[in-house]
N, C-alpha and C. Protein backbone atom coordinates (compact mmCIF):
# COMPACT_ATOMS: atom_id res chain seq x y z
N MET A 1 130.27 197.77 170.55
CA MET A 1 131.41 197.42 171.35
C MET A 1 132.65 198.06 170.72
N ALA A 2 133.39 198.78 171.49
CA ALA A 2 134.56 199.49 170.98
C ALA A 2 135.81 198.62 171.12
N ILE A 3 136.71 198.77 170.16
CA ILE A 3 137.99 198.04 170.21
C ILE A 3 138.93 198.83 171.11
N PRO A 4 139.53 198.17 172.12
CA PRO A 4 140.42 198.90 173.01
C PRO A 4 141.67 199.37 172.28
N LYS A 5 142.13 200.55 172.67
CA LYS A 5 143.34 201.09 172.06
C LYS A 5 144.56 200.38 172.60
N GLY A 6 145.59 200.36 171.84
CA GLY A 6 146.81 199.69 172.26
C GLY A 6 147.27 198.75 171.17
N LYS A 7 147.94 197.74 171.59
CA LYS A 7 148.51 196.80 170.63
C LYS A 7 147.44 195.84 170.12
N GLY A 8 147.55 195.53 168.85
CA GLY A 8 146.64 194.57 168.25
C GLY A 8 147.11 193.15 168.50
N ARG A 9 146.33 192.21 168.03
CA ARG A 9 146.66 190.80 168.23
C ARG A 9 148.00 190.44 167.60
N LYS A 10 148.22 190.94 166.39
CA LYS A 10 149.45 190.62 165.68
C LYS A 10 150.68 191.15 166.43
N ALA A 11 150.59 192.37 166.93
CA ALA A 11 151.71 192.97 167.67
C ALA A 11 151.97 192.19 168.95
N ARG A 12 150.87 191.77 169.64
CA ARG A 12 151.05 190.99 170.86
C ARG A 12 151.68 189.64 170.57
N ALA A 13 151.29 189.02 169.48
CA ALA A 13 151.85 187.72 169.10
C ALA A 13 153.34 187.86 168.75
N GLU A 14 153.68 188.92 168.05
CA GLU A 14 155.09 189.15 167.72
C GLU A 14 155.91 189.41 168.98
N GLU A 15 155.34 190.16 169.91
CA GLU A 15 156.03 190.44 171.18
C GLU A 15 156.24 189.15 171.97
N GLU A 16 155.22 188.30 172.01
CA GLU A 16 155.34 187.00 172.70
C GLU A 16 156.41 186.14 172.05
N ALA A 17 156.44 186.12 170.72
CA ALA A 17 157.45 185.33 170.00
C ALA A 17 158.84 185.86 170.30
N CYS A 18 158.98 187.18 170.38
CA CYS A 18 160.27 187.78 170.68
C CYS A 18 160.71 187.42 172.09
N LYS A 19 159.80 187.45 173.05
CA LYS A 19 160.11 187.07 174.43
C LYS A 19 160.53 185.61 174.51
N THR A 20 159.81 184.75 173.80
CA THR A 20 160.13 183.32 173.80
C THR A 20 161.50 183.09 173.19
N LEU A 21 161.81 183.75 172.09
CA LEU A 21 163.10 183.60 171.43
C LEU A 21 164.22 184.09 172.35
N LYS A 22 164.01 185.22 173.01
CA LYS A 22 165.03 185.77 173.91
C LYS A 22 165.25 184.82 175.09
N CYS A 23 164.19 184.26 175.63
CA CYS A 23 164.31 183.30 176.73
C CYS A 23 165.07 182.06 176.28
N PHE A 24 164.77 181.58 175.09
CA PHE A 24 165.47 180.40 174.55
C PHE A 24 166.95 180.70 174.35
N GLN A 25 167.26 181.88 173.83
CA GLN A 25 168.66 182.25 173.62
C GLN A 25 169.41 182.36 174.94
N GLU A 26 168.78 182.94 175.96
CA GLU A 26 169.41 183.05 177.27
C GLU A 26 169.66 181.67 177.87
N TRP A 27 168.67 180.79 177.76
CA TRP A 27 168.81 179.43 178.29
C TRP A 27 169.92 178.68 177.56
N THR A 28 170.00 178.84 176.25
CA THR A 28 171.04 178.18 175.46
C THR A 28 172.42 178.68 175.86
N ASN A 29 172.57 180.00 175.98
CA ASN A 29 173.87 180.56 176.38
C ASN A 29 174.26 180.08 177.77
N TRP A 30 173.30 180.06 178.69
CA TRP A 30 173.57 179.62 180.06
C TRP A 30 174.02 178.16 180.06
N SER A 31 173.31 177.30 179.34
CA SER A 31 173.66 175.88 179.33
C SER A 31 175.00 175.63 178.65
N LEU A 32 175.32 176.36 177.60
CA LEU A 32 176.62 176.19 176.95
C LEU A 32 177.77 176.65 177.84
N LYS A 33 177.56 177.72 178.60
CA LYS A 33 178.59 178.16 179.54
C LYS A 33 178.83 177.11 180.61
N LYS A 34 177.75 176.52 181.13
CA LYS A 34 177.89 175.47 182.14
C LYS A 34 178.57 174.24 181.56
N ALA A 35 178.23 173.87 180.33
CA ALA A 35 178.86 172.71 179.69
C ALA A 35 180.35 172.95 179.47
N LYS A 36 180.72 174.18 179.16
CA LYS A 36 182.13 174.52 178.97
C LYS A 36 182.90 174.35 180.27
N VAL A 37 182.34 174.79 181.38
CA VAL A 37 183.00 174.66 182.68
C VAL A 37 183.12 173.19 183.07
N VAL A 38 182.06 172.43 182.88
CA VAL A 38 182.09 170.99 183.22
C VAL A 38 183.14 170.28 182.38
N THR A 39 183.20 170.58 181.10
CA THR A 39 184.18 169.95 180.23
C THR A 39 185.60 170.37 180.62
N HIS A 40 185.77 171.63 180.94
CA HIS A 40 187.10 172.15 181.28
C HIS A 40 187.65 171.46 182.53
N TYR A 41 186.83 171.33 183.56
CA TYR A 41 187.32 170.76 184.82
C TYR A 41 187.11 169.26 184.94
N GLY A 42 186.33 168.66 184.06
CA GLY A 42 186.01 167.25 184.19
C GLY A 42 186.68 166.33 183.20
N LEU A 43 187.25 166.84 182.13
CA LEU A 43 187.78 165.99 181.08
C LEU A 43 189.01 165.20 181.54
N ILE A 44 190.00 165.86 182.10
CA ILE A 44 191.22 165.16 182.52
C ILE A 44 190.94 164.18 183.66
N PRO A 45 190.16 164.56 184.70
CA PRO A 45 189.83 163.56 185.71
C PRO A 45 189.08 162.35 185.14
N LEU A 46 188.22 162.57 184.15
CA LEU A 46 187.52 161.47 183.50
C LEU A 46 188.50 160.55 182.78
N ILE A 47 189.45 161.12 182.07
CA ILE A 47 190.46 160.31 181.37
C ILE A 47 191.30 159.51 182.36
N ILE A 48 191.69 160.14 183.47
CA ILE A 48 192.46 159.43 184.50
C ILE A 48 191.63 158.31 185.09
N TYR A 49 190.36 158.57 185.37
CA TYR A 49 189.48 157.54 185.94
C TYR A 49 189.32 156.36 184.99
N ILE A 50 189.11 156.63 183.73
CA ILE A 50 188.97 155.55 182.75
C ILE A 50 190.28 154.79 182.62
N GLY A 51 191.41 155.50 182.63
CA GLY A 51 192.71 154.85 182.55
C GLY A 51 193.00 153.97 183.75
N MET A 52 192.57 154.39 184.93
CA MET A 52 192.81 153.61 186.15
C MET A 52 191.96 152.35 186.19
N ASN A 53 190.85 152.33 185.47
CA ASN A 53 189.97 151.16 185.47
C ASN A 53 190.17 150.26 184.26
N SER A 54 191.21 150.49 183.51
CA SER A 54 191.47 149.65 182.34
C SER A 54 192.37 148.48 182.74
N GLU A 55 192.43 147.50 181.88
CA GLU A 55 193.31 146.34 182.10
C GLU A 55 194.54 146.50 181.24
N PRO A 56 195.71 146.23 181.62
CA PRO A 56 196.18 145.94 182.98
C PRO A 56 196.12 147.21 183.82
N LYS A 57 195.93 147.05 185.11
CA LYS A 57 195.78 148.20 186.01
C LYS A 57 197.11 148.95 186.18
N PRO A 58 197.20 150.17 185.66
CA PRO A 58 198.43 150.94 185.84
C PRO A 58 198.41 151.67 187.18
N THR A 59 199.58 152.03 187.66
CA THR A 59 199.64 152.90 188.83
C THR A 59 199.44 154.33 188.36
N LEU A 60 199.17 155.21 189.29
CA LEU A 60 198.93 156.61 188.92
C LEU A 60 200.16 157.22 188.27
N SER A 61 201.35 156.88 188.76
CA SER A 61 202.58 157.43 188.17
C SER A 61 202.77 156.92 186.74
N GLN A 62 202.45 155.66 186.49
CA GLN A 62 202.54 155.12 185.13
C GLN A 62 201.54 155.80 184.20
N LEU A 63 200.38 156.10 184.76
CA LEU A 63 199.33 156.71 183.95
C LEU A 63 199.67 158.16 183.59
N LEU A 64 200.32 158.85 184.50
CA LEU A 64 200.61 160.28 184.26
C LEU A 64 201.95 160.52 183.57
N SER A 65 202.84 159.53 183.57
CA SER A 65 204.14 159.73 182.94
C SER A 65 204.01 159.63 181.41
N PRO A 66 204.82 160.38 180.68
CA PRO A 66 204.71 160.34 179.23
C PRO A 66 205.35 159.10 178.60
N PHE A 67 206.07 158.27 179.37
CA PHE A 67 206.75 157.11 178.81
C PHE A 67 205.97 155.86 179.00
């Protein structure tokens, strides 16, 4: 039985590991970019929402004014 020419087991395993690592890096970058956008547009509305539901209940103008 002849061994087929081409990549050996070790080379194939290294290639698979490289593909897996690249996929993981792409997924990580994608998720961090999405988290950055969510944080950027969601942080201030979240703070306002939490402030509006606190006791004593402030009005929106009281909540947004610096005094």
